[in-house]
Amino acid sequence: MPVPPATPRPTLEAVAARAGVSRATVSRVVNGGAGVTEQLAARVRRAVDELGYVPNRAARALVTRRHDAVAVVIAEPETRVFTDPFFALQLRGISEELTARDAQLVLMLTRGDEDSERVGRYLAGGHVDGALVFSVHLDDPLPGLVRRTGLPAVFGGRPGDPAATPYVDCDNRGGARAAVRHLASLGRRRIAHISGPLDQTSAVDRLDGWRDITGAGAGLDSAPDLLASGDFTPEGGARAMSTLLERRPDLDAVFAASDLTASGALWTLRGAGLRVPEDVAVVGFDDLRTVAQHTDPPLTTVRQDIEEMGRLMARSLLDAGEGVDRPDSAAPDGIVLPTTLVRRASA
């Protein structure tokens, strides 16, 4: 069967002829320019609808130097990003905000210095209007590479590089304090901590919050053997919990640096024949509903609004590009969202 010829794409000139205005007037209306009366603008919009005109983004970019595209750069490998619900929630918040503003999301992942250099070259190539960067590690070259491109950027999480601003984060340290205080209020005195990777500021802040409370007296044990390193994964949590039980079989509570870490700790505790919360109380961090509500028992945790963090990152970047002065982005360094303790059956 012969393929029918493609229908010619409506042009700017065709819209101008249909509306009875100049090509320049149509261009100003389509590209959001000023200087057109509402009556003329209405005629242009009606002609656009009637003809089914779609602006040529490539041509528009040549004129406006805007691409309506934002790079989302995650400093983690695919195996981590596509298995951790945290990233799905943050990407959903970012995507919702970009979609509402008619901007495209370009996802880029990095696994090391070579990938970071590749991302830096792409960003410097003028393909996007800005970058959202998160899960950065303390020795990561990404912040410096992004800064050298001159592109606007917003970071997810408090960056280790003081120049990597602005950023959006949650109150990691305050949330950790609330978790440990809650465990202490239950009469627990030997409260262990499974940290996240300590080359990330979120893990460092949560560790500091644990130390703030356990080191403040009140009869709490602050011995260093109550600390074990994890990596924000269930497997890391399970390994760290095994280490803690070998060192301190008398521990009576665990504050885990993430819900996934806590889920792994629960596997190990169950395997060791320990009851939660009767023998060992457990608190996580994140409130990933797909995890925290389905562990056995359901997990008490510290909630951070992950989707809202993503939305705020995208909104801050787009508003800065449009010269919008937002009250919630008045701080030059960043936005820090509050956290709340969500009580369930594990503590």
C-alpha atoms as a PDB file:
ATOM      1  CA  MET A   1       0.000   0.000   0.000  1.00  0.00           C
ATOM      2  CA  PRO A   2       1.520   3.372  -0.946  1.00  0.00           C
ATOM      3  CA  VAL A   3       2.377   5.695   1.916  1.00  0.00           C
ATOM      4  CA  PRO A   4       0.363   8.938   1.724  1.00  0.00           C
ATOM      5  CA  PRO A   5       2.456  12.090   1.483  1.00  0.00           C
ATOM      6  CA  ALA A   6       3.085  13.896   4.764  1.00  0.00           C
ATOM      7  CA  THR A   7       0.833  16.867   5.444  1.00  0.00           C
ATOM      8  CA  PRO A   8       2.844  20.091   5.265  1.00  0.00           C
ATOM      9  CA  ARG A   9       3.553  21.523   8.716  1.00  0.00           C
ATOM     10  CA  PRO A  10       1.785  24.866   9.295  1.00  0.00           C
ATOM     11  CA  THR A  11       4.267  27.750   9.219  1.00  0.00           C
ATOM     12  CA  LEU A  12       4.504  31.010  11.107  1.00  0.00           C
ATOM     13  CA  GLU A  13       3.637  32.769   7.846  1.00  0.00           C
ATOM     14  CA  ALA A  14       0.444  30.704   7.482  1.00  0.00           C
ATOM     15  CA  VAL A  15      -0.635  31.670  10.991  1.00  0.00           C
ATOM     16  CA  ALA A  16       0.086  35.331  10.227  1.00  0.00           C
ATOM     17  CA  ALA A  17      -2.010  35.167   7.040  1.00  0.00           C
ATOM     18  CA  ARG A  18      -4.913  33.470   8.848  1.00  0.00           C
ATOM     19  CA  ALA A  19      -4.845  36.025  11.697  1.00  0.00           C
ATOM     20  CA  GLY A  20      -4.316  39.010   9.395  1.00  0.00           C
ATOM     21  CA  VAL A  21      -1.215  40.183  11.253  1.00  0.00           C
ATOM     22  CA  SER A  22       2.510  40.351  10.585  1.00  0.00           C
ATOM     23  CA  ARG A  23       4.891  37.424  11.064  1.00  0.00           C
ATOM     24  CA  ALA A  24       6.664  39.406  13.816  1.00  0.00           C
ATOM     25  CA  THR A  25       3.388  39.745  15.741  1.00  0.00           C
ATOM     26  CA  VAL A  26       2.800  35.993  15.582  1.00  0.00           C
ATOM     27  CA  SER A  27       6.361  35.353  16.761  1.00  0.00           C
ATOM     28  CA  ARG A  28       5.912  37.666  19.757  1.00  0.00           C
ATOM     29  CA  VAL A  29       2.662  35.953  20.793  1.00  0.00           C
ATOM     30  CA  VAL A  30       3.994  32.413  20.345  1.00  0.00           C
ATOM     31  CA  ASN A  31       7.243  33.150  22.198  1.00  0.00           C
ATOM     32  CA  GLY A  32       5.628  35.084  25.028  1.00  0.00           C
ATOM     33  CA  GLY A  33       6.922  38.494  23.994  1.00  0.00           C
ATOM     34  CA  ALA A  34       5.410  41.851  24.941  1.00  0.00           C
ATOM     35  CA  GLY A  35       3.970  44.671  22.862  1.00  0.00           C
ATOM     36  CA  VAL A  36       0.876  42.933  21.417  1.00  0.00           C
ATOM     37  CA  THR A  37      -2.657  44.007  22.332  1.00  0.00           C
ATOM     38  CA  GLU A  38      -4.942  41.379  23.808  1.00  0.00           C
ATOM     39  CA  GLN A  39      -7.267  41.653  20.788  1.00  0.00           C
ATOM     40  CA  LEU A  40      -4.447  40.842  18.335  1.00  0.00           C
ATOM     41  CA  ALA A  41      -3.061  38.126  20.618  1.00  0.00           C
ATOM     42  CA  ALA A  42      -6.488  36.463  20.718  1.00  0.00           C
ATOM     43  CA  ARG A  43      -6.636  36.444  16.905  1.00  0.00           C
ATOM     44  CA  VAL A  44      -3.187  34.846  16.734  1.00  0.00           C
ATOM     45  CA  ARG A  45      -4.066  32.173  19.295  1.00  0.00           C
ATOM     46  CA  ARG A  46      -7.254  31.360  17.418  1.00  0.00           C
ATOM     47  CA  ALA A  47      -5.304  30.980  14.161  1.00  0.00           C
ATOM     48  CA  VAL A  48      -2.754  28.768  15.909  1.00  0.00           C
ATOM     49  CA  ASP A  49      -5.545  26.492  17.140  1.00  0.00           C
ATOM     50  CA  GLU A  50      -7.309  26.378  13.775  1.00  0.00           C
ATOM     51  CA  LEU A  51      -4.147  25.479  11.856  1.00  0.00           C
ATOM     52  CA  GLY A  52      -2.671  23.202  14.499  1.00  0.00           C
ATOM     53  CA  TYR A  53       0.563  25.191  14.473  1.00  0.00           C
ATOM     54  CA  VAL A  54       3.361  23.804  16.688  1.00  0.00           C
ATOM     55  CA  PRO A  55       6.368  26.088  17.349  1.00  0.00           C
ATOM     56  CA  ASN A  56       9.699  24.867  16.029  1.00  0.00           C
ATOM     57  CA  ARG A  57      11.721  24.497  19.227  1.00  0.00           C
ATOM     58  CA  ALA A  58      15.056  24.396  17.430  1.00  0.00           C
ATOM     59  CA  ALA A  59      14.385  27.650  15.602  1.00  0.00           C
ATOM     60  CA  ARG A  60      13.030  29.216  18.761  1.00  0.00           C
ATOM     61  CA  ALA A  61      16.196  28.235  20.649  1.00  0.00           C
ATOM     62  CA  LEU A  62      18.328  30.046  18.077  1.00  0.00           C
ATOM     63  CA  VAL A  63      16.416  33.249  18.773  1.00  0.00           C
ATOM     64  CA  THR A  64      15.753  33.027  22.511  1.00  0.00           C
ATOM     65  CA  ARG A  65      18.833  30.964  23.465  1.00  0.00           C
ATOM     66  CA  ARG A  66      16.498  28.847  25.585  1.00  0.00           C
ATOM     67  CA  HIS A  67      15.973  25.133  25.042  1.00  0.00           C
ATOM     68  CA  ASP A  68      13.123  24.475  27.519  1.00  0.00           C
ATOM     69  CA  ALA A  69      15.148  21.518  28.785  1.00  0.00           C
ATOM     70  CA  VAL A  70      16.750  20.843  32.167  1.00  0.00           C
ATOM     71  CA  ALA A  71      19.426  18.247  32.932  1.00  0.00           C
ATOM     72  CA  VAL A  72      18.794  16.140  36.033  1.00  0.00           C
ATOM     73  CA  VAL A  73      22.167  14.763  37.084  1.00  0.00           C
ATOM     74  CA  ILE A  74      22.271  11.976  39.687  1.00  0.00           C
ATOM     75  CA  ALA A  75      25.699  11.012  40.961  1.00  0.00           C
ATOM     76  CA  GLU A  76      24.829   7.311  41.246  1.00  0.00           C
ATOM     77  CA  PRO A  77      24.916   4.278  38.926  1.00  0.00           C
ATOM     78  CA  GLU A  78      21.827   2.869  37.200  1.00  0.00           C
ATOM     79  CA  THR A  79      21.702  -0.102  39.575  1.00  0.00           C
ATOM     80  CA  ARG A  80      21.134   2.274  42.479  1.00  0.00           C
ATOM     81  CA  VAL A  81      18.862   4.847  40.854  1.00  0.00           C
ATOM     82  CA  PHE A  82      16.376   2.349  39.395  1.00  0.00           C
ATOM     83  CA  THR A  83      16.041   0.249  42.583  1.00  0.00           C
ATOM     84  CA  ASP A  84      15.827   2.926  45.283  1.00  0.00           C
ATOM     85  CA  PRO A  85      12.329   4.465  45.693  1.00  0.00           C
ATOM     86  CA  PHE A  86      13.922   7.685  46.983  1.00  0.00           C
ATOM     87  CA  PHE A  87      15.091   8.589  43.490  1.00  0.00           C
ATOM     88  CA  ALA A  88      11.718   7.741  41.947  1.00  0.00           C
ATOM     89  CA  LEU A  89       9.968  10.134  44.331  1.00  0.00           C
ATOM     90  CA  GLN A  90      12.438  12.950  43.775  1.00  0.00           C
ATOM     91  CA  LEU A  91      12.256  12.512  40.007  1.00  0.00           C
ATOM     92  CA  ARG A  92       8.455  12.542  40.161  1.00  0.00           C
ATOM     93  CA  GLY A  93       8.479  15.885  41.974  1.00  0.00           C
ATOM     94  CA  ILE A  94      10.965  17.323  39.478  1.00  0.00           C
ATOM     95  CA  SER A  95       9.046  15.967  36.490  1.00  0.00           C
ATOM     96  CA  GLU A  96       5.723  17.387  37.711  1.00  0.00           C
ATOM     97  CA  GLU A  97       7.184  20.865  38.033  1.00  0.00           C
ATOM     98  CA  LEU A  98       9.012  20.762  34.703  1.00  0.00           C
ATOM     99  CA  THR A  99       5.925  19.451  32.891  1.00  0.00           C
ATOM    100  CA  ALA A 100       3.800  22.232  34.365  1.00  0.00           C
ATOM    101  CA  ARG A 101       6.288  24.735  32.950  1.00  0.00           C
ATOM    102  CA  ASP A 102       6.558  23.020  29.531  1.00  0.00           C
ATOM    103  CA  ALA A 103      10.189  22.020  30.090  1.00  0.00           C
ATOM    104  CA  GLN A 104      11.815  18.705  29.226  1.00  0.00           C
ATOM    105  CA  LEU A 105      13.778  16.494  31.624  1.00  0.00           C
ATOM    106  CA  VAL A 106      17.125  15.106  30.464  1.00  0.00           C
ATOM    107  CA  LEU A 107      18.281  12.380  32.880  1.00  0.00           C
ATOM    108  CA  MET A 108      22.020  11.833  33.314  1.00  0.00           C
ATOM    109  CA  LEU A 109      23.692   9.357  35.699  1.00  0.00           C
ATOM    110  CA  THR A 110      27.331   9.185  36.726  1.00  0.00           C
ATOM    111  CA  ARG A 111      29.433   6.325  38.054  1.00  0.00           C
ATOM    112  CA  GLY A 112      32.836   7.976  38.364  1.00  0.00           C
ATOM    113  CA  ASP A 113      35.144  10.712  37.167  1.00  0.00           C
ATOM    114  CA  GLU A 114      34.895   9.716  33.490  1.00  0.00           C
ATOM    115  CA  ASP A 115      31.102   9.941  33.579  1.00  0.00           C
ATOM    116  CA  SER A 116      31.340  13.277  35.370  1.00  0.00           C
ATOM    117  CA  GLU A 117      33.583  14.627  32.616  1.00  0.00           C
ATOM    118  CA  ARG A 118      31.086  13.397  30.010  1.00  0.00           C
ATOM    119  CA  VAL A 119      28.240  15.171  31.827  1.00  0.00           C
ATOM    120  CA  GLY A 120      30.331  18.321  32.107  1.00  0.00           C
ATOM    121  CA  ARG A 121      30.954  18.329  28.352  1.00  0.00           C
ATOM    122  CA  TYR A 122      27.242  17.861  27.636  1.00  0.00           C
ATOM    123  CA  LEU A 123      26.221  20.685  29.964  1.00  0.00           C
ATOM    124  CA  ALA A 124      28.851  22.992  28.465  1.00  0.00           C
ATOM    125  CA  GLY A 125      27.537  22.191  24.971  1.00  0.00           C
ATOM    126  CA  GLY A 126      24.496  24.429  25.325  1.00  0.00           C
ATOM    127  CA  HIS A 127      21.852  21.682  25.149  1.00  0.00           C
ATOM    128  CA  VAL A 128      19.947  22.623  28.320  1.00  0.00           C
ATOM    129  CA  ASP A 129      18.974  25.744  30.266  1.00  0.00           C
ATOM    130  CA  GLY A 130      20.168  24.520  33.659  1.00  0.00           C
ATOM    131  CA  ALA A 131      20.969  21.523  35.846  1.00  0.00           C
ATOM    132  CA  LEU A 132      19.507  19.845  38.917  1.00  0.00           C
ATOM    133  CA  VAL A 133      22.213  17.815  40.646  1.00  0.00           C
ATOM    134  CA  PHE A 134      21.774  15.442  43.570  1.00  0.00           C
ATOM    135  CA  SER A 135      23.265  12.535  45.509  1.00  0.00           C
ATOM    136  CA  VAL A 136      26.660  14.218  45.220  1.00  0.00           C
ATOM    137  CA  HIS A 137      29.570  12.643  47.145  1.00  0.00           C
ATOM    138  CA  LEU A 138      32.150  14.701  49.009  1.00  0.00           C
ATOM    139  CA  ASP A 139      35.008  13.957  46.594  1.00  0.00           C
ATOM    140  CA  ASP A 140      32.828  14.272  43.493  1.00  0.00           C
ATOM    141  CA  PRO A 141      34.138  16.616  40.759  1.00  0.00           C
ATOM    142  CA  LEU A 142      30.575  17.287  39.558  1.00  0.00           C
ATOM    143  CA  PRO A 143      29.934  20.558  41.453  1.00  0.00           C
ATOM    144  CA  GLY A 144      33.116  22.087  40.050  1.00  0.00           C
ATOM    145  CA  LEU A 145      32.367  20.857  36.538  1.00  0.00           C
ATOM    146  CA  VAL A 146      28.829  22.240  36.668  1.00  0.00           C
ATOM    147  CA  ARG A 147      30.054  25.565  38.011  1.00  0.00           C
ATOM    148  CA  ARG A 148      32.600  25.912  35.191  1.00  0.00           C
ATOM    149  CA  THR A 149      29.865  25.546  32.555  1.00  0.00           C
ATOM    150  CA  GLY A 150      28.246  28.759  33.796  1.00  0.00           C
ATOM    151  CA  LEU A 151      24.814  27.108  33.722  1.00  0.00           C
ATOM    152  CA  PRO A 152      22.306  27.851  36.481  1.00  0.00           C
ATOM    153  CA  ALA A 153      22.187  24.875  38.860  1.00  0.00           C
ATOM    154  CA  VAL A 154      20.362  23.772  42.001  1.00  0.00           C
ATOM    155  CA  PHE A 155      21.681  20.961  44.188  1.00  0.00           C
ATOM    156  CA  GLY A 156      19.635  18.358  46.020  1.00  0.00           C
ATOM    157  CA  GLY A 157      21.009  17.981  49.534  1.00  0.00           C
ATOM    158  CA  ARG A 158      23.493  20.186  51.336  1.00  0.00           C
ATOM    159  CA  PRO A 159      26.616  19.952  49.182  1.00  0.00           C
ATOM    160  CA  GLY A 160      30.041  19.425  50.686  1.00  0.00           C
ATOM    161  CA  ASP A 161      31.424  22.125  48.400  1.00  0.00           C
ATOM    162  CA  PRO A 162      30.400  25.478  49.976  1.00  0.00           C
ATOM    163  CA  ALA A 163      30.295  27.055  46.503  1.00  0.00           C
ATOM    164  CA  ALA A 164      27.750  24.500  45.249  1.00  0.00           C
ATOM    165  CA  THR A 165      24.659  26.557  45.930  1.00  0.00           C
ATOM    166  CA  PRO A 166      21.732  27.057  45.923  1.00  0.00           C
ATOM    167  CA  TYR A 167      20.442  23.761  47.265  1.00  0.00           C
ATOM    168  CA  VAL A 168      17.287  22.134  48.650  1.00  0.00           C
ATOM    169  CA  ASP A 169      17.564  19.755  51.603  1.00  0.00           C
ATOM    170  CA  CYS A 170      15.672  18.485  54.629  1.00  0.00           C
ATOM    171  CA  ASP A 171      16.607  18.923  58.292  1.00  0.00           C
ATOM    172  CA  ASN A 172      18.653  15.727  58.480  1.00  0.00           C
ATOM    173  CA  ARG A 173      20.281  16.493  61.803  1.00  0.00           C
ATOM    174  CA  GLY A 174      17.062  17.621  63.473  1.00  0.00           C
ATOM    175  CA  GLY A 175      15.223  14.560  62.172  1.00  0.00           C
ATOM    176  CA  ALA A 176      17.922  12.269  63.560  1.00  0.00           C
ATOM    177  CA  ARG A 177      17.679  13.956  66.948  1.00  0.00           C
ATOM    178  CA  ALA A 178      13.908  13.410  66.963  1.00  0.00           C
ATOM    179  CA  ALA A 179      14.395   9.706  66.160  1.00  0.00           C
ATOM    180  CA  VAL A 180      16.892   9.146  68.974  1.00  0.00           C
ATOM    181  CA  ARG A 181      14.869  11.181  71.457  1.00  0.00           C
ATOM    182  CA  HIS A 182      11.860   9.020  70.659  1.00  0.00           C
ATOM    183  CA  LEU A 183      13.831   5.829  71.304  1.00  0.00           C
ATOM    184  CA  ALA A 184      15.124   7.265  74.579  1.00  0.00           C
ATOM    185  CA  SER A 185      11.561   8.178  75.601  1.00  0.00           C
ATOM    186  CA  LEU A 186      10.698   4.470  75.278  1.00  0.00           C
ATOM    187  CA  GLY A 187      13.323   3.659  77.899  1.00  0.00           C
ATOM    188  CA  ARG A 188      15.978   2.480  75.447  1.00  0.00           C
ATOM    189  CA  ARG A 189      19.512   3.251  76.634  1.00  0.00           C
ATOM    190  CA  ARG A 190      21.810   1.378  74.242  1.00  0.00           C
ATOM    191  CA  ILE A 191      20.788   2.991  70.957  1.00  0.00           C
ATOM    192  CA  ALA A 192      22.920   1.940  68.000  1.00  0.00           C
ATOM    193  CA  HIS A 193      23.218   3.772  64.707  1.00  0.00           C
ATOM    194  CA  ILE A 194      23.671   2.376  61.202  1.00  0.00           C
ATOM    195  CA  SER A 195      24.976   5.296  59.171  1.00  0.00           C
ATOM    196  CA  GLY A 196      24.735   6.012  55.489  1.00  0.00           C
ATOM    197  CA  PRO A 197      27.854   6.452  53.331  1.00  0.00           C
ATOM    198  CA  LEU A 198      29.865   9.117  55.140  1.00  0.00           C
ATOM    199  CA  ASP A 199      31.015  10.743  51.906  1.00  0.00           C
ATOM    200  CA  GLN A 200      27.512  12.242  51.672  1.00  0.00           C
ATOM    201  CA  THR A 201      26.414  15.149  53.842  1.00  0.00           C
ATOM    202  CA  SER A 202      22.975  13.687  54.579  1.00  0.00           C
ATOM    203  CA  ALA A 203      24.603  10.664  56.235  1.00  0.00           C
ATOM    204  CA  VAL A 204      27.045  12.861  58.151  1.00  0.00           C
ATOM    205  CA  ASP A 205      24.217  15.104  59.401  1.00  0.00           C
ATOM    206  CA  ARG A 206      22.156  12.108  60.573  1.00  0.00           C
ATOM    207  CA  LEU A 207      25.186  10.672  62.357  1.00  0.00           C
ATOM    208  CA  ASP A 208      25.755  14.028  64.052  1.00  0.00           C
ATOM    209  CA  GLY A 209      22.115  14.082  65.161  1.00  0.00           C
ATOM    210  CA  TRP A 210      22.529  10.631  66.771  1.00  0.00           C
ATOM    211  CA  ARG A 211      25.688  11.821  68.528  1.00  0.00           C
ATOM    212  CA  ASP A 212      23.954  15.004  69.716  1.00  0.00           C
ATOM    213  CA  ILE A 213      21.493  12.964  71.787  1.00  0.00           C
ATOM    214  CA  THR A 214      23.514   9.912  72.826  1.00  0.00           C
ATOM    215  CA  GLY A 215      26.439  12.122  73.834  1.00  0.00           C
ATOM    216  CA  ALA A 216      24.325  14.481  75.914  1.00  0.00           C
ATOM    217  CA  GLY A 217      24.161  12.251  78.975  1.00  0.00           C
ATOM    218  CA  ALA A 218      20.732  11.286  80.320  1.00  0.00           C
ATOM    219  CA  GLY A 219      22.019   7.762  80.902  1.00  0.00           C
ATOM    220  CA  LEU A 220      22.431   6.906  77.217  1.00  0.00           C
ATOM    221  CA  ASP A 221      25.336   4.739  76.099  1.00  0.00           C
ATOM    222  CA  SER A 222      27.511   6.620  73.623  1.00  0.00           C
ATOM    223  CA  ALA A 223      30.203   3.960  73.120  1.00  0.00           C
ATOM    224  CA  PRO A 224      31.738   3.946  69.599  1.00  0.00           C
ATOM    225  CA  ASP A 225      30.951   0.237  69.183  1.00  0.00           C
ATOM    226  CA  LEU A 226      27.276   1.194  68.830  1.00  0.00           C
ATOM    227  CA  LEU A 227      28.049   2.745  65.426  1.00  0.00           C
ATOM    228  CA  ALA A 228      28.277   0.730  62.203  1.00  0.00           C
ATOM    229  CA  SER A 229      28.580   1.949  58.592  1.00  0.00           C
ATOM    230  CA  GLY A 230      25.925   1.262  55.977  1.00  0.00           C
ATOM    231  CA  ASP A 231      25.299   2.474  52.448  1.00  0.00           C
ATOM    232  CA  PHE A 232      21.550   3.351  52.303  1.00  0.00           C
ATOM    233  CA  THR A 233      20.740  -0.164  50.960  1.00  0.00           C
ATOM    234  CA  PRO A 234      18.956  -3.156  52.579  1.00  0.00           C
ATOM    235  CA  GLU A 235      22.031  -5.319  52.107  1.00  0.00           C
ATOM    236  CA  GLY A 236      24.243  -2.744  53.792  1.00  0.00           C
ATOM    237  CA  GLY A 237      21.763  -2.469  56.657  1.00  0.00           C
ATOM    238  CA  ALA A 238      21.703  -6.246  57.130  1.00  0.00           C
ATOM    239  CA  ARG A 239      25.510  -6.451  57.226  1.00  0.00           C
ATOM    240  CA  ALA A 240      25.834  -3.541  59.639  1.00  0.00           C
ATOM    241  CA  MET A 241      23.183  -5.023  61.944  1.00  0.00           C
ATOM    242  CA  SER A 242      25.119  -8.298  62.070  1.00  0.00           C
ATOM    243  CA  THR A 243      28.262  -6.377  63.019  1.00  0.00           C
ATOM    244  CA  LEU A 244      26.422  -4.504  65.765  1.00  0.00           C
ATOM    245  CA  LEU A 245      24.961  -7.712  67.265  1.00  0.00           C
ATOM    246  CA  GLU A 246      28.407  -9.286  67.350  1.00  0.00           C
ATOM    247  CA  ARG A 247      29.843  -6.263  69.140  1.00  0.00           C
ATOM    248  CA  ARG A 248      26.910  -5.350  71.343  1.00  0.00           C
ATOM    249  CA  PRO A 249      24.409  -8.179  71.834  1.00  0.00           C
ATOM    250  CA  ASP A 250      22.914  -6.056  74.642  1.00  0.00           C
ATOM    251  CA  LEU A 251      21.785  -3.191  72.357  1.00  0.00           C
ATOM    252  CA  ASP A 252      18.098  -2.351  72.725  1.00  0.00           C
ATOM    253  CA  ALA A 253      17.439   0.071  69.845  1.00  0.00           C
ATOM    254  CA  VAL A 254      18.678   1.023  66.381  1.00  0.00           C
ATOM    255  CA  PHE A 255      18.384   4.277  64.489  1.00  0.00           C
ATOM    256  CA  ALA A 256      19.007   3.492  60.800  1.00  0.00           C
ATOM    257  CA  ALA A 257      20.011   6.266  58.409  1.00  0.00           C
ATOM    258  CA  SER A 258      17.374   5.257  55.817  1.00  0.00           C
ATOM    259  CA  ASP A 259      14.271   3.115  55.520  1.00  0.00           C
ATOM    260  CA  LEU A 260      16.034   0.707  53.177  1.00  0.00           C
ATOM    261  CA  THR A 261      18.842   0.365  55.726  1.00  0.00           C
ATOM    262  CA  ALA A 262      16.264  -0.272  58.434  1.00  0.00           C
ATOM    263  CA  SER A 263      14.559  -2.960  56.337  1.00  0.00           C
ATOM    264  CA  GLY A 264      17.862  -4.833  56.105  1.00  0.00           C
ATOM    265  CA  ALA A 265      18.412  -4.460  59.846  1.00  0.00           C
ATOM    266  CA  LEU A 266      14.965  -5.984  60.457  1.00  0.00           C
ATOM    267  CA  TRP A 267      15.917  -9.060  58.379  1.00  0.00           C
ATOM    268  CA  THR A 268      19.007  -9.618  60.510  1.00  0.00           C
ATOM    269  CA  LEU A 269      17.177  -9.096  63.804  1.00  0.00           C
ATOM    270  CA  ARG A 270      14.487 -11.581  62.793  1.00  0.00           C
ATOM    271  CA  GLY A 271      17.158 -14.076  61.736  1.00  0.00           C
ATOM    272  CA  ALA A 272      18.807 -13.690  65.139  1.00  0.00           C
ATOM    273  CA  GLY A 273      15.524 -14.528  66.887  1.00  0.00           C
ATOM    274  CA  LEU A 274      15.068 -11.000  68.286  1.00  0.00           C
ATOM    275  CA  ARG A 275      11.626  -9.409  68.504  1.00  0.00           C
ATOM    276  CA  VAL A 276      10.917  -5.891  67.251  1.00  0.00           C
ATOM    277  CA  PRO A 277      10.131  -3.732  69.158  1.00  0.00           C
ATOM    278  CA  GLU A 278      10.099  -5.885  72.329  1.00  0.00           C
ATOM    279  CA  ASP A 279      13.816  -6.735  72.274  1.00  0.00           C
ATOM    280  CA  VAL A 280      15.138  -4.103  69.862  1.00  0.00           C
ATOM    281  CA  ALA A 281      13.245  -0.990  68.728  1.00  0.00           C
ATOM    282  CA  VAL A 282      14.002   0.279  65.212  1.00  0.00           C
ATOM    283  CA  VAL A 283      13.570   3.715  63.622  1.00  0.00           C
ATOM    284  CA  GLY A 284      14.386   4.586  59.996  1.00  0.00           C
ATOM    285  CA  PHE A 285      14.629   7.787  57.966  1.00  0.00           C
ATOM    286  CA  ASP A 286      12.788   8.921  54.778  1.00  0.00           C
ATOM    287  CA  ASP A 287       9.251   7.505  55.168  1.00  0.00           C
ATOM    288  CA  LEU A 288       9.318   5.694  51.845  1.00  0.00           C
ATOM    289  CA  ARG A 289       5.743   4.413  51.959  1.00  0.00           C
ATOM    290  CA  THR A 290       6.472   1.395  49.735  1.00  0.00           C
ATOM    291  CA  VAL A 291       9.060   0.337  52.316  1.00  0.00           C
ATOM    292  CA  ALA A 292       8.039   1.676  55.723  1.00  0.00           C
ATOM    293  CA  GLN A 293       4.414   0.526  55.602  1.00  0.00           C
ATOM    294  CA  HIS A 294       5.295  -2.980  54.411  1.00  0.00           C
ATOM    295  CA  THR A 295       8.134  -4.039  56.710  1.00  0.00           C
ATOM    296  CA  ASP A 296       7.374  -6.497  59.509  1.00  0.00           C
ATOM    297  CA  PRO A 297       6.537  -4.734  61.750  1.00  0.00           C
ATOM    298  CA  PRO A 298       5.686  -1.461  59.964  1.00  0.00           C
ATOM    299  CA  LEU A 299       8.504   1.011  60.418  1.00  0.00           C
ATOM    300  CA  THR A 300       8.609   4.039  62.670  1.00  0.00           C
ATOM    301  CA  THR A 301      10.606   6.585  60.683  1.00  0.00           C
ATOM    302  CA  VAL A 302      11.484  10.224  60.099  1.00  0.00           C
ATOM    303  CA  ARG A 303       9.557  11.681  57.192  1.00  0.00           C
ATOM    304  CA  GLN A 304      11.117  14.033  54.673  1.00  0.00           C
ATOM    305  CA  ASP A 305       8.964  15.346  51.813  1.00  0.00           C
ATOM    306  CA  ILE A 306      11.024  13.927  48.964  1.00  0.00           C
ATOM    307  CA  GLU A 307       8.639  14.890  46.161  1.00  0.00           C
ATOM    308  CA  GLU A 308       8.380  18.450  47.447  1.00  0.00           C
ATOM    309  CA  MET A 309      12.167  18.686  47.534  1.00  0.00           C
ATOM    310  CA  GLY A 310      12.191  17.736  43.846  1.00  0.00           C
ATOM    311  CA  ARG A 311       9.486  20.261  43.020  1.00  0.00           C
ATOM    312  CA  LEU A 312      11.329  23.029  44.884  1.00  0.00           C
ATOM    313  CA  MET A 313      14.599  22.222  43.122  1.00  0.00           C
ATOM    314  CA  ALA A 314      12.939  22.517  39.711  1.00  0.00           C
ATOM    315  CA  ARG A 315      10.890  25.566  40.671  1.00  0.00           C
ATOM    316  CA  SER A 316      13.918  27.397  42.069  1.00  0.00           C
ATOM    317  CA  LEU A 317      15.909  26.740  38.903  1.00  0.00           C
ATOM    318  CA  LEU A 318      13.140  27.779  36.512  1.00  0.00           C
ATOM    319  CA  ASP A 319      12.199  30.852  38.519  1.00  0.00           C
ATOM    320  CA  ALA A 320      15.813  31.991  38.596  1.00  0.00           C
ATOM    321  CA  GLY A 321      15.969  31.622  34.810  1.00  0.00           C
ATOM    322  CA  GLU A 322      12.851  33.754  34.443  1.00  0.00           C
ATOM    323  CA  GLY A 323      13.968  36.376  36.943  1.00  0.00           C
ATOM    324  CA  VAL A 324      11.192  35.519  39.421  1.00  0.00           C
ATOM    325  CA  ASP A 325      11.877  36.575  43.004  1.00  0.00           C
ATOM    326  CA  ARG A 326      10.305  33.933  45.253  1.00  0.00           C
ATOM    327  CA  PRO A 327       9.880  34.445  49.009  1.00  0.00           C
ATOM    328  CA  ASP A 328      10.814  30.811  49.766  1.00  0.00           C
ATOM    329  CA  SER A 329      14.091  31.131  47.887  1.00  0.00           C
ATOM    330  CA  ALA A 330      15.205  34.338  49.563  1.00  0.00           C
ATOM    331  CA  ALA A 331      18.048  32.612  51.425  1.00  0.00           C
ATOM    332  CA  PRO A 332      21.156  32.799  49.226  1.00  0.00           C
ATOM    333  CA  ASP A 333      22.412  29.333  50.153  1.00  0.00           C
ATOM    334  CA  GLY A 334      19.419  27.048  50.147  1.00  0.00           C
ATOM    335  CA  ILE A 335      16.047  25.843  51.347  1.00  0.00           C
ATOM    336  CA  VAL A 336      15.843  23.374  54.258  1.00  0.00           C
ATOM    337  CA  LEU A 337      12.521  21.582  54.710  1.00  0.00           C
ATOM    338  CA  PRO A 338      11.352  20.301  58.104  1.00  0.00           C
ATOM    339  CA  THR A 339      11.124  16.626  59.034  1.00  0.00           C
ATOM    340  CA  THR A 340       8.534  14.823  61.192  1.00  0.00           C
ATOM    341  CA  LEU A 341       8.563  11.571  63.138  1.00  0.00           C
ATOM    342  CA  VAL A 342       5.981   9.041  61.901  1.00  0.00           C
ATOM    343  CA  ARG A 343       5.183   6.428  64.558  1.00  0.00           C
ATOM    344  CA  ARG A 344       4.380   2.873  63.552  1.00  0.00           C
ATOM    345  CA  ALA A 345       4.887  -0.477  65.228  1.00  0.00           C
ATOM    346  CA  SER A 346       8.688  -0.885  65.159  1.00  0.00           C
ATOM    347  CA  ALA A 347       9.307   1.650  67.946  1.00  0.00           C
END
